[in-house]
Protein backbone atom coordinates (compact mmCIF):
# COMPACT_ATOMS: atom_id res chain seq x y z
CA MET A 1 -0.04 -0.09 0.08
CA THR A 2 2.66 2.47 0.79
CA THR A 3 4.63 1.72 -2.44
CA GLN A 4 1.03 2.63 -4.48
CA ILE A 5 0.94 5.89 -2.59
CA SER A 6 4.59 7.00 -3.47
CA GLN A 7 4.09 5.83 -6.97
CA GLU A 8 0.87 8.07 -7.25
CA ARG A 9 2.70 11.07 -5.57
CA THR A 10 5.63 10.91 -8.22
CA MET A 11 3.37 10.47 -11.22
CA SER A 12 3.49 13.83 -13.23
CA VAL A 13 0.05 15.30 -14.00
CA PRO A 14 -0.05 17.10 -17.91
CA ALA A 15 -0.25 20.73 -17.09
CA SER A 16 -2.57 22.95 -19.03
CA PRO A 17 -0.68 25.35 -21.32
CA ARG A 18 -1.03 28.00 -18.89
CA GLN A 19 0.71 26.17 -16.30
CA ALA A 20 3.32 24.42 -18.52
CA GLY A 21 6.95 26.06 -18.37
CA ALA A 22 8.96 26.57 -20.67
CA THR A 23 12.44 28.44 -22.04
CA VAL A 24 11.93 30.97 -25.00
CA TRP A 25 15.68 31.59 -26.03
CA LEU A 26 16.02 34.79 -28.17
CA THR A 27 19.42 35.11 -29.72
CA GLY A 28 20.34 37.97 -32.08
CA LEU A 29 23.18 40.54 -32.63
CA PRO A 30 23.29 43.64 -30.09
CA SER A 31 20.41 45.86 -30.74
CA ALA A 32 18.41 43.30 -32.57
CA GLY A 33 15.25 43.79 -30.62
CA LYS A 34 15.59 40.66 -28.65
CA THR A 35 14.85 42.36 -24.98
CA THR A 36 12.03 44.62 -26.33
CA VAL A 37 10.49 41.76 -27.98
CA ALA A 38 10.64 39.57 -25.06
CA PHE A 39 9.19 42.01 -22.52
CA ALA A 40 6.18 42.75 -25.01
CA LEU A 41 5.68 38.85 -25.08
CA ALA A 42 5.79 39.02 -21.35
CA ASP A 43 3.14 41.51 -21.09
CA ARG A 44 0.86 39.42 -23.51
CA LEU A 45 1.33 36.25 -21.65
CA ARG A 46 0.83 37.91 -18.24
CA GLU A 47 -2.53 39.22 -19.43
CA ALA A 48 -3.36 35.59 -20.47
CA GLY A 49 -2.74 34.27 -17.12
CA HIS A 50 0.64 32.85 -17.42
CA ARG A 51 3.81 32.99 -14.90
CA VAL A 52 6.81 34.73 -16.65
CA GLU A 53 10.32 35.68 -16.08
CA VAL A 54 12.25 37.48 -18.42
CA LEU A 55 16.14 36.80 -17.66
CA ASP A 56 17.79 40.00 -19.22
CA GLY A 57 21.47 39.97 -20.41
CA ASP A 58 22.42 43.05 -18.89
CA GLU A 59 21.02 41.94 -15.39
CA ILE A 60 22.85 38.51 -15.50
CA ARG A 61 25.70 40.14 -15.95
CA GLU A 62 25.79 42.22 -13.21
CA PHE A 63 24.45 40.03 -10.78
CA LEU A 64 24.73 36.24 -11.56
CA SER A 65 28.12 36.44 -14.14
CA ALA A 66 29.82 39.40 -12.29
CA GLY A 67 33.62 39.12 -13.06
CA LEU A 68 33.13 37.19 -16.35
CA GLY A 69 34.57 38.92 -19.51
CA PHE A 70 33.72 38.44 -23.20
CA THR A 71 36.56 35.76 -24.14
CA ARG A 72 34.54 32.54 -25.86
CA GLU A 73 34.94 30.79 -22.46
CA ASP A 74 33.21 33.27 -20.41
CA ARG A 75 30.71 33.65 -22.71
CA HIS A 76 29.99 29.91 -22.60
CA THR A 77 30.08 30.03 -18.82
CA ASN A 78 27.54 32.94 -19.02
CA VAL A 79 25.16 31.23 -21.13
CA GLN A 80 25.21 27.90 -19.09
CA ARG A 81 24.63 29.69 -15.94
CA ILE A 82 21.72 31.47 -17.63
CA GLY A 83 20.64 28.37 -19.32
CA PHE A 84 20.70 26.31 -15.72
CA VAL A 85 18.39 29.18 -14.15
CA ALA A 86 16.07 29.21 -17.29
CA GLU A 87 15.65 25.33 -17.02
CA LEU A 88 15.31 25.37 -13.53
CA LEU A 89 12.29 28.14 -13.49
CA ALA A 90 10.80 26.51 -16.79
CA SER A 91 10.68 23.17 -15.05
CA ASN A 92 8.45 24.66 -12.35
CA GLY A 93 5.75 25.84 -14.62
CA VAL A 94 7.25 29.28 -15.61
CA LYS A 95 7.47 30.76 -18.96
CA VAL A 96 11.40 31.96 -19.02
CA LEU A 97 12.04 34.49 -21.97
CA VAL A 98 15.94 34.78 -22.19
CA PRO A 99 17.14 37.79 -24.61
CA VAL A 100 20.68 37.04 -24.59
CA ILE A 101 23.00 36.88 -27.68
CA ALA A 102 24.55 33.53 -26.84
CA PRO A 103 26.81 34.02 -29.96
CA TYR A 104 28.37 30.45 -30.35
CA ALA A 105 26.17 27.59 -31.53
CA ASP A 106 27.78 25.05 -29.31
CA SER A 107 26.77 27.22 -26.14
CA ARG A 108 23.10 26.99 -27.15
CA GLU A 109 23.12 23.57 -27.95
CA ALA A 110 24.45 22.71 -24.68
CA VAL A 111 21.47 24.76 -23.01
CA ARG A 112 19.02 22.99 -25.33
CA GLY A 113 20.48 19.51 -24.43
CA ARG A 114 20.32 20.17 -20.59
CA HIS A 115 16.62 20.87 -21.21
CA GLN A 116 16.16 18.08 -23.25
CA LYS A 117 17.71 15.91 -20.72
CA GLN A 118 15.21 17.44 -18.08
CA GLY A 119 12.02 17.18 -20.54
CA THR A 120 11.87 20.82 -20.45
CA PRO A 121 10.30 22.66 -23.14
CA TYR A 122 13.05 24.54 -24.97
CA LEU A 123 12.41 26.88 -27.99
CA GLU A 124 15.17 28.99 -29.83
CA VAL A 125 13.72 32.06 -31.48
CA HIS A 126 16.65 33.90 -33.82
CA VAL A 127 15.70 37.62 -33.99
CA ALA A 128 17.36 38.16 -37.27
CA THR A 129 17.89 41.95 -37.59
CA PRO A 130 20.75 42.79 -39.88
CA VAL A 131 24.07 44.33 -38.65
CA GLU A 132 23.42 47.36 -40.74
CA VAL A 133 19.75 47.86 -38.94
CA CYS A 134 21.35 46.95 -35.27
CA SER A 135 24.20 49.66 -35.98
CA GLU A 136 21.41 52.46 -37.13
CA ARG A 137 19.46 51.47 -33.91
CA ASP A 138 22.48 51.63 -31.47
CA VAL A 139 20.46 51.28 -28.45
CA LYS A 140 23.55 51.15 -26.26
CA GLY A 141 25.98 53.10 -28.24
CA LEU A 142 28.22 49.80 -28.90
CA TYR A 143 28.23 50.23 -32.60
CA ALA A 144 29.57 53.75 -32.28
CA LYS A 145 31.97 53.06 -29.66
CA GLN A 146 33.36 49.99 -31.52
CA ALA A 147 33.75 52.38 -34.65
CA ALA A 148 35.67 55.01 -32.69
CA GLY A 149 37.93 52.41 -31.55
CA GLU A 150 36.87 52.56 -27.87
CA ILE A 151 35.70 48.85 -27.67
CA SER A 152 36.42 45.42 -29.48
CA GLY A 153 35.02 42.44 -29.46
CA LEU A 154 31.47 43.47 -30.68
CA THR A 155 29.61 40.61 -31.57
CA GLY A 156 28.79 40.32 -35.36
CA VAL A 157 31.19 43.13 -36.29
CA ASP A 158 34.67 42.26 -34.92
CA ASP A 159 33.79 38.98 -32.81
CA PRO A 160 31.86 36.07 -34.36
CA TYR A 161 28.04 35.44 -34.32
CA GLU A 162 27.10 32.29 -35.24
CA ALA A 163 23.18 32.27 -36.46
CA PRO A 164 21.07 29.58 -35.72
CA GLU A 165 20.61 27.30 -38.81
CA ALA A 166 17.17 26.02 -37.76
CA PRO A 167 15.56 27.84 -35.17
CA ASP A 168 12.00 27.24 -34.13
CA LEU A 169 11.25 30.88 -35.18
CA ARG A 170 13.18 33.28 -37.39
CA LEU A 171 11.88 36.93 -36.33
CA GLU A 172 12.77 39.72 -38.68
CA THR A 173 11.85 42.56 -36.51
CA HIS A 174 13.02 45.28 -39.27
CA GLY A 175 9.68 46.22 -41.09
CA ARG A 176 7.55 45.04 -38.62
CA THR A 177 6.12 46.35 -35.03
CA VAL A 178 7.05 44.95 -31.74
CA GLU A 179 3.75 43.85 -31.22
CA ASP A 180 3.59 41.89 -34.55
CA SER A 181 6.87 40.22 -33.61
CA ALA A 182 5.40 39.50 -29.99
CA ALA A 183 2.25 38.26 -31.44
CA ALA A 184 4.21 35.85 -33.67
CA LEU A 185 5.92 34.49 -30.82
CA GLN A 186 3.17 33.83 -28.98
CA ALA A 187 1.45 32.10 -31.78
CA LEU A 188 4.59 29.61 -32.01
CA LEU A 189 3.77 29.03 -27.91
CA VAL A 190 0.14 28.31 -28.76
CA GLU A 191 1.12 25.91 -31.82
CA ARG A 192 3.13 23.92 -29.55
CA GLY A 193 0.93 23.56 -26.54
CA LEU A 194 2.74 25.89 -24.40
CA ALA A 195 0.18 28.82 -24.26
CA LEU A 196 -3.57 29.77 -24.83
């Protein structure tokens, strides 16, 4: 009898789309629109009753990855830390939106692998804004600083960016509104049974 009860407690109950956790990783160049789209999607999901967290790359760098630089190894470490936190939250029913460049394919694949191993839904979204458009937007002034020689190692300019070959969604944010982009992402979640 005791064995039966413990087995029943460990049986997983299928979550409704509103309760289902998932990680949505938005990768793309600096100033591609990743964070803007993530926060717009977060608002839409919260309005629909979902639990949502946005793991903003700048905040992670300040608090979780303070001390890391921008070498390939440090970037990989940063992405793995974010991936760990994202999977932990997602496995507990949170929609985790991660607008983080994650320039290297192997780093992103390692995060996907962690999610797959745990049975946690993971979607990769490529915010595919051309570097010319990103440099015009230049939200943080990084492209101007790089052009002036004040910084080096800018992803997509003088440091590599390996664009996803087969993302779950490729979003071209130039020529469409933020709301259109957020709606396209929400539609993907609905299609995958992760949102209503």
